[in-house]
Amino acid sequence: AYINNKAFVPVRKKGKLPRETVEASYDLEYGQATIEIHKDA
């Protein structure tokens, strides 16, 4: 992002982002995980 002068948006594990988020869950080998992104990102 830096060398191409672009913004960078983190896609985080659930519960790690401080502002309002949207989330999506996906399957793991033994269970599920959820990731989030800021709603305004």
PDB file of all heavy atoms in Angstrom:
ATOM      1  N   ALA A   1       0.845  -1.203   0.000  1.00  0.00           N
ATOM      2  CA  ALA A   1       0.000   0.000   0.000  1.00  0.00           C
ATOM      3  C   ALA A   1       0.879   1.251   0.000  1.00  0.00           C
ATOM      4  O   ALA A   1       0.631   2.198  -0.750  1.00  0.00           O
ATOM      5  CB  ALA A   1      -0.939  -0.024   1.197  1.00  0.00           C
ATOM      6  N   TYR A   2       1.912   1.225   0.814  1.00  0.00           N
ATOM      7  CA  TYR A   2       2.813   2.375   0.915  1.00  0.00           C
ATOM      8  C   TYR A   2       3.497   2.676  -0.421  1.00  0.00           C
ATOM      9  O   TYR A   2       3.462   3.812  -0.898  1.00  0.00           O
ATOM     10  CB  TYR A   2       3.850   2.115   2.009  1.00  0.00           C
ATOM     11  CG  TYR A   2       4.897   3.192   2.096  1.00  0.00           C
ATOM     12  CD1 TYR A   2       4.622   4.407   2.715  1.00  0.00           C
ATOM     13  CD2 TYR A   2       6.158   3.001   1.535  1.00  0.00           C
ATOM     14  CE1 TYR A   2       5.572   5.407   2.783  1.00  0.00           C
ATOM     15  CE2 TYR A   2       7.121   3.988   1.593  1.00  0.00           C
ATOM     16  CZ  TYR A   2       6.829   5.195   2.213  1.00  0.00           C
ATOM     17  OH  TYR A   2       7.773   6.174   2.270  1.00  0.00           O
ATOM     18  N   ILE A   3       4.124   1.666  -1.032  1.00  0.00           N
ATOM     19  CA  ILE A   3       4.884   1.953  -2.259  1.00  0.00           C
ATOM     20  C   ILE A   3       3.982   2.297  -3.442  1.00  0.00           C
ATOM     21  O   ILE A   3       4.434   2.926  -4.391  1.00  0.00           O
ATOM     22  CB  ILE A   3       5.863   0.818  -2.639  1.00  0.00           C
ATOM     23  CG1 ILE A   3       5.143  -0.478  -2.937  1.00  0.00           C
ATOM     24  CG2 ILE A   3       6.917   0.635  -1.575  1.00  0.00           C
ATOM     25  CD1 ILE A   3       6.062  -1.612  -3.402  1.00  0.00           C
ATOM     26  N   ASN A   4       2.704   1.921  -3.361  1.00  0.00           N
ATOM     27  CA  ASN A   4       1.766   2.229  -4.446  1.00  0.00           C
ATOM     28  C   ASN A   4       0.829   3.387  -4.109  1.00  0.00           C
ATOM     29  O   ASN A   4      -0.112   3.658  -4.863  1.00  0.00           O
ATOM     30  CB  ASN A   4       0.968   0.980  -4.806  1.00  0.00           C
ATOM     31  CG  ASN A   4       1.843  -0.050  -5.484  1.00  0.00           C
ATOM     32  OD1 ASN A   4       2.357   0.191  -6.574  1.00  0.00           O
ATOM     33  ND2 ASN A   4       2.052  -1.188  -4.841  1.00  0.00           N
ATOM     34  N   ASN A   5       1.091   4.051  -2.988  1.00  0.00           N
ATOM     35  CA  ASN A   5       0.282   5.194  -2.553  1.00  0.00           C
ATOM     36  C   ASN A   5      -1.209   4.851  -2.482  1.00  0.00           C
ATOM     37  O   ASN A   5      -2.060   5.560  -3.002  1.00  0.00           O
ATOM     38  CB  ASN A   5       0.518   6.407  -3.470  1.00  0.00           C
ATOM     39  CG  ASN A   5       0.013   7.693  -2.848  1.00  0.00           C
ATOM     40  OD1 ASN A   5       0.033   7.849  -1.626  1.00  0.00           O
ATOM     41  ND2 ASN A   5      -0.459   8.602  -3.682  1.00  0.00           N
ATOM     42  N   LYS A   6      -1.499   3.722  -1.836  1.00  0.00           N
ATOM     43  CA  LYS A   6      -2.875   3.261  -1.646  1.00  0.00           C
ATOM     44  C   LYS A   6      -3.181   3.172  -0.157  1.00  0.00           C
ATOM     45  O   LYS A   6      -2.272   3.029   0.672  1.00  0.00           O
ATOM     46  CB  LYS A   6      -3.080   1.872  -2.271  1.00  0.00           C
ATOM     47  CG  LYS A   6      -2.750   1.777  -3.746  1.00  0.00           C
ATOM     48  CD  LYS A   6      -3.691   2.571  -4.607  1.00  0.00           C
ATOM     49  CE  LYS A   6      -3.345   2.385  -6.094  1.00  0.00           C
ATOM     50  NZ  LYS A   6      -4.233   3.122  -6.963  1.00  0.00           N
ATOM     51  N   ALA A   7      -4.442   3.228   0.172  1.00  0.00           N
ATOM     52  CA  ALA A   7      -4.858   3.032   1.561  1.00  0.00           C
ATOM     53  C   ALA A   7      -4.745   1.553   1.913  1.00  0.00           C
ATOM     54  O   ALA A   7      -4.793   0.684   1.037  1.00  0.00           O
ATOM     55  CB  ALA A   7      -6.300   3.502   1.748  1.00  0.00           C
ATOM     56  N   PHE A   8      -4.597   1.281   3.203  1.00  0.00           N
ATOM     57  CA  PHE A   8      -4.548  -0.087   3.699  1.00  0.00           C
ATOM     58  C   PHE A   8      -5.671  -0.285   4.709  1.00  0.00           C
ATOM     59  O   PHE A   8      -5.859   0.522   5.614  1.00  0.00           O
ATOM     60  CB  PHE A   8      -3.205  -0.384   4.375  1.00  0.00           C
ATOM     61  CG  PHE A   8      -3.148  -1.782   4.930  1.00  0.00           C
ATOM     62  CD1 PHE A   8      -2.876  -2.851   4.101  1.00  0.00           C
ATOM     63  CD2 PHE A   8      -3.420  -2.026   6.265  1.00  0.00           C
ATOM     64  CE1 PHE A   8      -2.855  -4.148   4.590  1.00  0.00           C
ATOM     65  CE2 PHE A   8      -3.390  -3.313   6.770  1.00  0.00           C
ATOM     66  CZ  PHE A   8      -3.110  -4.376   5.935  1.00  0.00           C
ATOM     67  N   VAL A   9      -6.427  -1.368   4.527  1.00  0.00           N
ATOM     68  CA  VAL A   9      -7.540  -1.695   5.410  1.00  0.00           C
ATOM     69  C   VAL A   9      -7.265  -3.045   6.075  1.00  0.00           C
ATOM     70  O   VAL A   9      -7.066  -4.040   5.375  1.00  0.00           O
ATOM     71  CB  VAL A   9      -8.869  -1.764   4.619  1.00  0.00           C
ATOM     72  CG1 VAL A   9     -10.003  -2.269   5.484  1.00  0.00           C
ATOM     73  CG2 VAL A   9      -9.205  -0.402   4.032  1.00  0.00           C
ATOM     74  N   PRO A  10      -7.251  -3.087   7.412  1.00  0.00           N
ATOM     75  CA  PRO A  10      -7.059  -4.375   8.085  1.00  0.00           C
ATOM     76  C   PRO A  10      -8.351  -5.181   8.160  1.00  0.00           C
ATOM     77  O   PRO A  10      -9.412  -4.639   8.473  1.00  0.00           O
ATOM     78  CB  PRO A  10      -6.581  -3.975   9.485  1.00  0.00           C
ATOM     79  CG  PRO A  10      -7.150  -2.615   9.704  1.00  0.00           C
ATOM     80  CD  PRO A  10      -7.261  -1.971   8.351  1.00  0.00           C
ATOM     81  N   VAL A  11      -8.237  -6.456   7.831  1.00  0.00           N
ATOM     82  CA  VAL A  11      -9.333  -7.412   8.013  1.00  0.00           C
ATOM     83  C   VAL A  11      -8.928  -8.225   9.239  1.00  0.00           C
ATOM     84  O   VAL A  11      -7.958  -8.969   9.189  1.00  0.00           O
ATOM     85  CB  VAL A  11      -9.512  -8.318   6.778  1.00  0.00           C
ATOM     86  CG1 VAL A  11     -10.660  -9.303   6.999  1.00  0.00           C
ATOM     87  CG2 VAL A  11      -9.749  -7.483   5.527  1.00  0.00           C
ATOM     88  N   ARG A  12      -9.692  -8.053  10.346  1.00  0.00           N
ATOM     89  CA  ARG A  12      -9.255  -8.579  11.633  1.00  0.00           C
ATOM     90  C   ARG A  12     -10.138  -9.689  12.144  1.00  0.00           C
ATOM     91  O   ARG A  12     -11.278  -9.852  11.716  1.00  0.00           O
ATOM     92  CB  ARG A  12      -9.272  -7.466  12.699  1.00  0.00           C
ATOM     93  CG  ARG A  12      -8.465  -6.257  12.386  1.00  0.00           C
ATOM     94  CD  ARG A  12      -7.087  -6.140  12.960  1.00  0.00           C
ATOM     95  NE  ARG A  12      -6.615  -7.021  13.955  1.00  0.00           N
ATOM     96  CZ  ARG A  12      -6.173  -6.646  15.149  1.00  0.00           C
ATOM     97  NH1 ARG A  12      -6.234  -5.375  15.509  1.00  0.00           N
ATOM     98  NH2 ARG A  12      -5.656  -7.523  15.974  1.00  0.00           N
ATOM     99  N   LYS A  13      -9.612 -10.421  13.112  1.00  0.00           N
ATOM    100  CA  LYS A  13     -10.409 -11.402  13.832  1.00  0.00           C
ATOM    101  C   LYS A  13     -11.467 -10.664  14.637  1.00  0.00           C
ATOM    102  O   LYS A  13     -11.260  -9.515  15.046  1.00  0.00           O
ATOM    103  CB  LYS A  13      -9.510 -12.223  14.756  1.00  0.00           C
ATOM    104  CG  LYS A  13      -8.536 -13.085  13.996  1.00  0.00           C
ATOM    105  CD  LYS A  13      -7.573 -13.789  14.929  1.00  0.00           C
ATOM    106  CE  LYS A  13      -6.584 -14.591  14.096  1.00  0.00           C
ATOM    107  NZ  LYS A  13      -5.441 -15.042  14.873  1.00  0.00           N
ATOM    108  N   LYS A  14     -12.583 -11.318  14.866  1.00  0.00           N
ATOM    109  CA  LYS A  14     -13.711 -10.710  15.562  1.00  0.00           C
ATOM    110  C   LYS A  14     -13.282 -10.133  16.914  1.00  0.00           C
ATOM    111  O   LYS A  14     -12.523 -10.739  17.655  1.00  0.00           O
ATOM    112  CB  LYS A  14     -14.808 -11.759  15.777  1.00  0.00           C
ATOM    113  CG  LYS A  14     -16.071 -11.206  16.412  1.00  0.00           C
ATOM    114  CD  LYS A  14     -17.144 -12.269  16.502  1.00  0.00           C
ATOM    115  CE  LYS A  14     -18.350 -11.798  17.256  1.00  0.00           C
ATOM    116  NZ  LYS A  14     -19.217 -10.947  16.489  1.00  0.00           N
ATOM    117  N   GLY A  15     -13.782  -8.924  17.173  1.00  0.00           N
ATOM    118  CA  GLY A  15     -13.559  -8.283  18.455  1.00  0.00           C
ATOM    119  C   GLY A  15     -12.314  -7.431  18.562  1.00  0.00           C
ATOM    120  O   GLY A  15     -12.007  -6.913  19.625  1.00  0.00           O
ATOM    121  N   LYS A  16     -11.576  -7.241  17.469  1.00  0.00           N
ATOM    122  CA  LYS A  16     -10.309  -6.501  17.523  1.00  0.00           C
ATOM    123  C   LYS A  16     -10.406  -5.078  16.986  1.00  0.00           C
ATOM    124  O   LYS A  16      -9.489  -4.294  17.181  1.00  0.00           O
ATOM    125  CB  LYS A  16      -9.222  -7.241  16.735  1.00  0.00           C
ATOM    126  CG  LYS A  16      -8.951  -8.646  17.221  1.00  0.00           C
ATOM    127  CD  LYS A  16      -8.256  -8.618  18.540  1.00  0.00           C
ATOM    128  CE  LYS A  16      -7.873 -10.030  18.963  1.00  0.00           C
ATOM    129  NZ  LYS A  16      -7.247 -10.044  20.279  1.00  0.00           N
ATOM    130  N   LEU A  17     -11.486  -4.738  16.296  1.00  0.00           N
ATOM    131  CA  LEU A  17     -11.621  -3.409  15.708  1.00  0.00           C
ATOM    132  C   LEU A  17     -12.517  -2.537  16.581  1.00  0.00           C
ATOM    133  O   LEU A  17     -13.567  -2.991  17.058  1.00  0.00           O
ATOM    134  CB  LEU A  17     -12.187  -3.508  14.288  1.00  0.00           C
ATOM    135  CG  LEU A  17     -11.260  -4.166  13.267  1.00  0.00           C
ATOM    136  CD1 LEU A  17     -11.992  -4.409  11.946  1.00  0.00           C
ATOM    137  CD2 LEU A  17     -10.025  -3.315  13.032  1.00  0.00           C
ATOM    138  N   PRO A  18     -12.158  -1.263  16.784  1.00  0.00           N
ATOM    139  CA  PRO A  18     -12.873  -0.423  17.743  1.00  0.00           C
ATOM    140  C   PRO A  18     -14.159   0.235  17.241  1.00  0.00           C
ATOM    141  O   PRO A  18     -15.015   0.576  18.053  1.00  0.00           O
ATOM    142  CB  PRO A  18     -11.837   0.649  18.098  1.00  0.00           C
ATOM    143  CG  PRO A  18     -11.000   0.772  16.863  1.00  0.00           C
ATOM    144  CD  PRO A  18     -10.939  -0.621  16.297  1.00  0.00           C
ATOM    145  N   ARG A  19     -14.288   0.433  15.939  1.00  0.00           N
ATOM    146  CA  ARG A  19     -15.486   1.108  15.429  1.00  0.00           C
ATOM    147  C   ARG A  19     -16.503   0.075  14.965  1.00  0.00           C
ATOM    148  O   ARG A  19     -16.275  -1.125  15.046  1.00  0.00           O
ATOM    149  CB  ARG A  19     -15.103   2.055  14.280  1.00  0.00           C
ATOM    150  CG  ARG A  19     -14.098   3.120  14.706  1.00  0.00           C
ATOM    151  CD  ARG A  19     -13.898   4.224  13.662  1.00  0.00           C
ATOM    152  NE  ARG A  19     -13.715   3.779  12.296  1.00  0.00           N
ATOM    153  CZ  ARG A  19     -12.535   3.539  11.728  1.00  0.00           C
ATOM    154  NH1 ARG A  19     -11.415   3.658  12.422  1.00  0.00           N
ATOM    155  NH2 ARG A  19     -12.463   3.161  10.469  1.00  0.00           N
ATOM    156  N   GLU A  20     -17.622   0.567  14.445  1.00  0.00           N
ATOM    157  CA  GLU A  20     -18.673  -0.329  13.966  1.00  0.00           C
ATOM    158  C   GLU A  20     -18.131  -1.189  12.821  1.00  0.00           C
ATOM    159  O   GLU A  20     -17.431  -0.697  11.940  1.00  0.00           O
ATOM    160  CB  GLU A  20     -19.879   0.487  13.488  1.00  0.00           C
ATOM    161  CG  GLU A  20     -21.079  -0.359  13.158  1.00  0.00           C
ATOM    162  CD  GLU A  20     -22.301   0.472  12.773  1.00  0.00           C
ATOM    163  OE1 GLU A  20     -22.241   1.716  12.782  1.00  0.00           O
ATOM    164  OE2 GLU A  20     -23.318  -0.161  12.443  1.00  0.00           O
ATOM    165  N   THR A  21     -18.472  -2.472  12.853  1.00  0.00           N
ATOM    166  CA  THR A  21     -17.921  -3.422  11.883  1.00  0.00           C
ATOM    167  C   THR A  21     -19.015  -4.209  11.185  1.00  0.00           C
ATOM    168  O   THR A  21     -20.167  -4.222  11.624  1.00  0.00           O
ATOM    169  CB  THR A  21     -16.983  -4.434  12.575  1.00  0.00           C
ATOM    170  OG1 THR A  21     -17.743  -5.180  13.524  1.00  0.00           O
ATOM    171  CG2 THR A  21     -15.817  -3.753  13.259  1.00  0.00           C
ATOM    172  N   VAL A  22     -18.613  -4.879  10.117  1.00  0.00           N
ATOM    173  CA  VAL A  22     -19.400  -5.953   9.509  1.00  0.00           C
ATOM    174  C   VAL A  22     -18.545  -7.196   9.645  1.00  0.00           C
ATOM    175  O   VAL A  22     -17.315  -7.112   9.690  1.00  0.00           O
ATOM    176  CB  VAL A  22     -19.779  -5.675   8.034  1.00  0.00           C
ATOM    177  CG1 VAL A  22     -20.748  -4.508   7.928  1.00  0.00           C
ATOM    178  CG2 VAL A  22     -18.549  -5.426   7.177  1.00  0.00           C
ATOM    179  N   GLU A  23     -19.186  -8.355   9.734  1.00  0.00           N
ATOM    180  CA  GLU A  23     -18.442  -9.581   9.957  1.00  0.00           C
ATOM    181  C   GLU A  23     -18.904 -10.688   9.029  1.00  0.00           C
ATOM    182  O   GLU A  23     -20.020 -10.665   8.514  1.00  0.00           O
ATOM    183  CB  GLU A  23     -18.567 -10.040  11.409  1.00  0.00           C
ATOM    184  CG  GLU A  23     -19.969 -10.450  11.815  1.00  0.00           C
ATOM    185  CD  GLU A  23     -20.049 -10.893  13.274  1.00  0.00           C
ATOM    186  OE1 GLU A  23     -19.538 -10.193  14.153  1.00  0.00           O
ATOM    187  OE2 GLU A  23     -20.654 -11.964  13.516  1.00  0.00           O
ATOM    188  N   ALA A  24     -18.005 -11.644   8.834  1.00  0.00           N
ATOM    189  CA  ALA A  24     -18.313 -12.839   8.045  1.00  0.00           C
ATOM    190  C   ALA A  24     -17.619 -14.017   8.719  1.00  0.00           C
ATOM    191  O   ALA A  24     -16.489 -13.897   9.190  1.00  0.00           O
ATOM    192  CB  ALA A  24     -17.821 -12.684   6.607  1.00  0.00           C
ATOM    193  N   SER A  25     -18.300 -15.142   8.739  1.00  0.00           N
ATOM    194  CA  SER A  25     -17.742 -16.355   9.324  1.00  0.00           C
ATOM    195  C   SER A  25     -17.390 -17.335   8.218  1.00  0.00           C
ATOM    196  O   SER A  25     -17.969 -17.305   7.131  1.00  0.00           O
ATOM    197  CB  SER A  25     -18.745 -16.996  10.280  1.00  0.00           C
ATOM    198  OG  SER A  25     -18.971 -16.141  11.385  1.00  0.00           O
ATOM    199  N   TYR A  26     -16.438 -18.205   8.523  1.00  0.00           N
ATOM    200  CA  TYR A  26     -16.006 -19.216   7.557  1.00  0.00           C
ATOM    201  C   TYR A  26     -15.589 -20.458   8.326  1.00  0.00           C
ATOM    202  O   TYR A  26     -15.310 -20.405   9.530  1.00  0.00           O
ATOM    203  CB  TYR A  26     -14.873 -18.695   6.671  1.00  0.00           C
ATOM    204  CG  TYR A  26     -13.653 -18.245   7.421  1.00  0.00           C
ATOM    205  CD1 TYR A  26     -12.550 -19.081   7.578  1.00  0.00           C
ATOM    206  CD2 TYR A  26     -13.597 -16.979   7.993  1.00  0.00           C
ATOM    207  CE1 TYR A  26     -11.434 -18.675   8.270  1.00  0.00           C
ATOM    208  CE2 TYR A  26     -12.473 -16.567   8.693  1.00  0.00           C
ATOM    209  CZ  TYR A  26     -11.402 -17.415   8.825  1.00  0.00           C
ATOM    210  OH  TYR A  26     -10.294 -17.008   9.523  1.00  0.00           O
ATOM    211  N   ASP A  27     -15.556 -21.572   7.617  1.00  0.00           N
ATOM    212  CA  ASP A  27     -15.241 -22.850   8.247  1.00  0.00           C
ATOM    213  C   ASP A  27     -13.737 -23.078   8.331  1.00  0.00           C
ATOM    214  O   ASP A  27     -12.990 -22.762   7.411  1.00  0.00           O
ATOM    215  CB  ASP A  27     -15.873 -24.011   7.461  1.00  0.00           C
ATOM    216  CG  ASP A  27     -17.389 -24.018   7.584  1.00  0.00           C
ATOM    217  OD1 ASP A  27     -17.901 -23.619   8.645  1.00  0.00           O
ATOM    218  OD2 ASP A  27     -18.053 -24.416   6.609  1.00  0.00           O
ATOM    219  N   LEU A  28     -13.355 -23.644   9.459  1.00  0.00           N
ATOM    220  CA  LEU A  28     -11.998 -24.121   9.669  1.00  0.00           C
ATOM    221  C   LEU A  28     -12.044 -25.638   9.691  1.00  0.00           C
ATOM    222  O   LEU A  28     -13.127 -26.236   9.671  1.00  0.00           O
ATOM    223  CB  LEU A  28     -11.457 -23.622  11.013  1.00  0.00           C
ATOM    224  CG  LEU A  28     -11.358 -22.110  11.189  1.00  0.00           C
ATOM    225  CD1 LEU A  28     -11.075 -21.776  12.645  1.00  0.00           C
ATOM    226  CD2 LEU A  28     -10.246 -21.575  10.307  1.00  0.00           C
ATOM    227  N   GLU A  29     -10.887 -26.249   9.789  1.00  0.00           N
ATOM    228  CA  GLU A  29     -10.841 -27.709   9.839  1.00  0.00           C
ATOM    229  C   GLU A  29     -11.648 -28.238  11.021  1.00  0.00           C
ATOM    230  O   GLU A  29     -12.352 -29.227  10.920  1.00  0.00           O
ATOM    231  CB  GLU A  29      -9.386 -28.183   9.935  1.00  0.00           C
ATOM    232  CG  GLU A  29      -9.241 -29.678   9.774  1.00  0.00           C
ATOM    233  CD  GLU A  29      -7.784 -30.110   9.726  1.00  0.00           C
ATOM    234  OE1 GLU A  29      -6.889 -29.247   9.691  1.00  0.00           O
ATOM    235  OE2 GLU A  29      -7.551 -31.324   9.709  1.00  0.00           O
ATOM    236  N   TYR A  30     -11.544 -27.551  12.153  1.00  0.00           N
ATOM    237  CA  TYR A  30     -12.277 -27.970  13.357  1.00  0.00           C
ATOM    238  C   TYR A  30     -13.041 -26.792  13.928  1.00  0.00           C
ATOM    239  O   TYR A  30     -12.672 -26.242  14.957  1.00  0.00           O
ATOM    240  CB  TYR A  30     -11.312 -28.517  14.421  1.00  0.00           C
ATOM    241  CG  TYR A  30     -10.509 -29.687  13.954  1.00  0.00           C
ATOM    242  CD1 TYR A  30      -9.168 -29.560  13.627  1.00  0.00           C
ATOM    243  CD2 TYR A  30     -11.102 -30.940  13.809  1.00  0.00           C
ATOM    244  CE1 TYR A  30      -8.432 -30.640  13.182  1.00  0.00           C
ATOM    245  CE2 TYR A  30     -10.371 -32.030  13.363  1.00  0.00           C
ATOM    246  CZ  TYR A  30      -9.037 -31.878  13.058  1.00  0.00           C
ATOM    247  OH  TYR A  30      -8.320 -32.948  12.612  1.00  0.00           O
ATOM    248  N   GLY A  31     -14.085 -26.352  13.256  1.00  0.00           N
ATOM    249  CA  GLY A  31     -14.898 -25.263  13.782  1.00  0.00           C
ATOM    250  C   GLY A  31     -15.071 -24.137  12.792  1.00  0.00           C
ATOM    251  O   GLY A  31     -15.025 -24.348  11.582  1.00  0.00           O
ATOM    252  N   GLN A  32     -15.271 -22.938  13.349  1.00  0.00           N
ATOM    253  CA  GLN A  32     -15.496 -21.746  12.545  1.00  0.00           C
ATOM    254  C   GLN A  32     -14.670 -20.592  13.078  1.00  0.00           C
ATOM    255  O   GLN A  32     -14.249 -20.597  14.234  1.00  0.00           O
ATOM    256  CB  GLN A  32     -16.980 -21.340  12.599  1.00  0.00           C
ATOM    257  CG  GLN A  32     -17.821 -21.910  11.500  1.00  0.00           C
ATOM    258  CD  GLN A  32     -19.120 -21.123  11.342  1.00  0.00           C
ATOM    259  OE1 GLN A  32     -19.583 -20.462  12.257  1.00  0.00           O
ATOM    260  NE2 GLN A  32     -19.696 -21.199  10.171  1.00  0.00           N
ATOM    261  N   ALA A  33     -14.463 -19.601  12.245  1.00  0.00           N
ATOM    262  CA  ALA A  33     -13.811 -18.360  12.648  1.00  0.00           C
ATOM    263  C   ALA A  33     -14.599 -17.208  12.037  1.00  0.00           C
ATOM    264  O   ALA A  33     -15.365 -17.394  11.085  1.00  0.00           O
ATOM    265  CB  ALA A  33     -12.366 -18.327  12.177  1.00  0.00           C
ATOM    266  N   THR A  34     -14.421 -16.044  12.608  1.00  0.00           N
ATOM    267  CA  THR A  34     -15.114 -14.852  12.137  1.00  0.00           C
ATOM    268  C   THR A  34     -14.101 -13.731  11.960  1.00  0.00           C
ATOM    269  O   THR A  34     -13.232 -13.525  12.810  1.00  0.00           O
ATOM    270  CB  THR A  34     -16.203 -14.423  13.143  1.00  0.00           C
ATOM    271  OG1 THR A  34     -17.125 -15.508  13.312  1.00  0.00           O
ATOM    272  CG2 THR A  34     -16.969 -13.210  12.653  1.00  0.00           C
ATOM    273  N   ILE A  35     -14.225 -13.021  10.841  1.00  0.00           N
ATOM    274  CA  ILE A  35     -13.396 -11.842  10.587  1.00  0.00           C
ATOM    275  C   ILE A  35     -14.300 -10.631  10.446  1.00  0.00           C
ATOM    276  O   ILE A  35     -15.495 -10.759  10.148  1.00  0.00           O
ATOM    277  CB  ILE A  35     -12.497 -12.008   9.341  1.00  0.00           C
ATOM    278  CG1 ILE A  35     -13.321 -12.366   8.105  1.00  0.00           C
ATOM    279  CG2 ILE A  35     -11.401 -13.014   9.604  1.00  0.00           C
ATOM    280  CD1 ILE A  35     -12.518 -12.400   6.805  1.00  0.00           C
ATOM    281  N   GLU A  36     -13.702  -9.466  10.656  1.00  0.00           N
ATOM    282  CA  GLU A  36     -14.451  -8.214  10.593  1.00  0.00           C
ATOM    283  C   GLU A  36     -13.649  -7.156   9.846  1.00  0.00           C
ATOM    284  O   GLU A  36     -12.432  -7.248   9.737  1.00  0.00           O
ATOM    285  CB  GLU A  36     -14.709  -7.672  12.005  1.00  0.00           C
ATOM    286  CG  GLU A  36     -15.548  -8.536  12.884  1.00  0.00           C
ATOM    287  CD  GLU A  36     -15.734  -7.943  14.269  1.00  0.00           C
ATOM    288  OE1 GLU A  36     -14.746  -7.426  14.853  1.00  0.00           O
ATOM    289  OE2 GLU A  36     -16.857  -8.002  14.767  1.00  0.00           O
ATOM    290  N   ILE A  37     -14.398  -6.155   9.410  1.00  0.00           N
ATOM    291  CA  ILE A  37     -13.802  -4.978   8.785  1.00  0.00           C
ATOM    292  C   ILE A  37     -14.634  -3.787   9.257  1.00  0.00           C
ATOM    293  O   ILE A  37     -15.833  -3.928   9.531  1.00  0.00           O
ATOM    294  CB  ILE A  37     -13.797  -5.127   7.244  1.00  0.00           C
ATOM    295  CG1 ILE A  37     -12.926  -4.094   6.575  1.00  0.00           C
ATOM    296  CG2 ILE A  37     -15.175  -5.092   6.674  1.00  0.00           C
ATOM    297  CD1 ILE A  37     -12.682  -4.366   5.105  1.00  0.00           C
ATOM    298  N   HIS A  38     -13.997  -2.623   9.409  1.00  0.00           N
ATOM    299  CA  HIS A  38     -14.764  -1.439   9.781  1.00  0.00           C
ATOM    300  C   HIS A  38     -15.811  -1.148   8.712  1.00  0.00           C
ATOM    301  O   HIS A  38     -15.520  -1.237   7.512  1.00  0.00           O
ATOM    302  CB  HIS A  38     -13.857  -0.216   9.934  1.00  0.00           C
ATOM    303  CG  HIS A  38     -13.150  -0.167  11.246  1.00  0.00           C
ATOM    304  ND1 HIS A  38     -11.804   0.041  11.343  1.00  0.00           N
ATOM    305  CD2 HIS A  38     -13.601  -0.295  12.519  1.00  0.00           C
ATOM    306  CE1 HIS A  38     -11.454   0.052  12.613  1.00  0.00           C
ATOM    307  NE2 HIS A  38     -12.522  -0.163  13.346  1.00  0.00           N
ATOM    308  N   LYS A  39     -16.973  -0.807   9.170  1.00  0.00           N
ATOM    309  CA  LYS A  39     -18.105  -0.564   8.268  1.00  0.00           C
ATOM    310  C   LYS A  39     -17.837   0.588   7.302  1.00  0.00           C
ATOM    311  O   LYS A  39     -18.364   0.608   6.191  1.00  0.00           O
ATOM    312  CB  LYS A  39     -19.363  -0.294   9.094  1.00  0.00           C
ATOM    313  CG  LYS A  39     -20.638  -0.414   8.344  1.00  0.00           C
ATOM    314  CD  LYS A  39     -21.829  -0.311   9.276  1.00  0.00           C
ATOM    315  CE  LYS A  39     -23.105  -0.646   8.546  1.00  0.00           C
ATOM    316  NZ  LYS A  39     -24.262  -0.603   9.446  1.00  0.00           N
ATOM    317  N   ASP A  40     -17.009   1.542   7.715  1.00  0.00           N
ATOM    318  CA  ASP A  40     -16.719   2.705   6.868  1.00  0.00           C
ATOM    319  C   ASP A  40     -15.378   2.600   6.128  1.00  0.00           C
ATOM    320  O   ASP A  40     -14.909   3.552   5.526  1.00  0.00           O
ATOM    321  CB  ASP A  40     -16.752   3.990   7.699  1.00  0.00           C
ATOM    322  CG  ASP A  40     -15.717   4.009   8.818  1.00  0.00           C
ATOM    323  OD1 ASP A  40     -15.024   2.986   9.037  1.00  0.00           O
ATOM    324  OD2 ASP A  40     -15.608   5.056   9.496  1.00  0.00           O
ATOM    325  N   ALA A  41     -14.750   1.424   6.159  1.00  0.00           N
ATOM    326  CA  ALA A  41     -13.417   1.266   5.565  1.00  0.00           C
ATOM    327  C   ALA A  41     -13.436   1.235   4.048  1.00  0.00           C
ATOM    328  O   ALA A  41     -12.457   1.617   3.408  1.00  0.00           O
ATOM    329  CB  ALA A  41     -12.761  -0.010   6.093  1.00  0.00           C
TER     330      ALA A  41
END
